[in-house]
Amino acid sequence: MGINSQSEIAADLQIGPTDQGMVRIYVAGGGVELPMDFDPEEAIEIAEEIRAAAQQAEALQAKGKK
């Protein structure tokens, strides 16, 4: 499955700090629980990538509405 493939799978997403000073992204759904821990610098890089992707998606939506 690629980034552009749609899916009917539903999942819950939780993001927060751990008591060990890490940032945890926790995904659960379809019988799978996936905790992913990142140091703060990595988490900031991920947040920046998400922001950039959101801006690109907004631009594509705006382009499609013209």
Protein backbone atom coordinates (compact mmCIF):
# COMPACT_ATOMS: atom_id res chain seq x y z
CA MET A 1 0.00 0.00 0.00
CA GLY A 2 1.42 3.37 -0.96
CA ILE A 3 0.90 6.90 0.27
CA ASN A 4 -1.85 7.51 -2.31
CA SER A 5 -3.75 4.27 -1.70
CA GLN A 6 -7.02 4.66 0.17
CA SER A 7 -7.96 2.23 2.92
CA GLU A 8 -11.00 1.32 4.97
CA ILE A 9 -8.84 0.65 8.04
CA ALA A 10 -9.64 2.91 10.98
CA ALA A 11 -7.01 3.71 13.61
CA ASP A 12 -6.59 5.88 16.67
CA LEU A 13 -3.61 8.23 16.96
CA GLN A 14 -2.20 9.59 20.20
CA ILE A 15 0.83 11.85 20.52
CA GLY A 16 2.46 12.93 23.76
CA PRO A 17 5.56 13.00 25.91
CA THR A 18 6.76 9.94 27.82
CA ASP A 19 8.16 9.93 31.33
CA GLN A 20 11.56 9.17 29.74
CA GLY A 21 11.71 12.51 27.88
CA MET A 22 10.73 11.06 24.52
CA VAL A 23 7.81 11.91 22.26
CA ARG A 24 5.56 8.94 21.56
CA ILE A 25 3.35 8.55 18.53
CA TYR A 26 0.95 5.74 19.32
CA VAL A 27 -1.19 4.18 16.59
CA ALA A 28 -3.78 1.51 17.37
CA GLY A 29 -6.25 -0.13 15.01
CA GLY A 30 -7.10 -3.35 13.28
CA GLY A 31 -5.74 -5.38 16.17
CA VAL A 32 -2.34 -3.65 15.98
CA GLU A 33 -0.78 -1.37 18.58
CA LEU A 34 2.26 0.57 17.36
CA PRO A 35 4.13 2.79 19.83
CA MET A 36 6.92 4.82 18.22
CA ASP A 37 9.27 6.85 20.42
CA PHE A 38 11.36 9.76 19.14
CA ASP A 39 13.77 12.11 20.80
CA PRO A 40 12.56 15.73 20.84
CA GLU A 41 14.72 16.76 17.86
CA GLU A 42 13.34 13.93 15.73
CA ALA A 43 9.80 14.81 16.79
CA ILE A 44 10.30 18.42 15.71
CA GLU A 45 11.57 17.22 12.30
CA ILE A 46 8.49 14.99 11.95
CA ALA A 47 6.22 17.91 12.89
CA GLU A 48 7.90 20.07 10.24
CA GLU A 49 7.40 17.33 7.62
CA ILE A 50 3.71 17.08 8.56
CA ARG A 51 3.31 20.86 8.30
CA ALA A 52 4.99 20.90 4.86
CA ALA A 53 2.78 18.05 3.64
CA ALA A 54 -0.33 19.86 4.91
CA GLN A 55 0.69 23.02 3.06
CA GLN A 56 1.23 21.03 -0.13
CA ALA A 57 -2.17 19.38 0.27
CA GLU A 58 -3.82 22.77 0.78
CA ALA A 59 -2.18 24.03 -2.39
CA LEU A 60 -3.47 21.02 -4.33
CA GLN A 61 -6.99 21.57 -2.95
CA ALA A 62 -6.89 25.26 -3.88
CA LYS A 63 -5.67 24.37 -7.37
CA GLY A 64 -8.51 21.87 -7.79
CA LYS A 65 -11.17 24.43 -6.80
CA LYS A 66 -10.21 26.87 -9.56
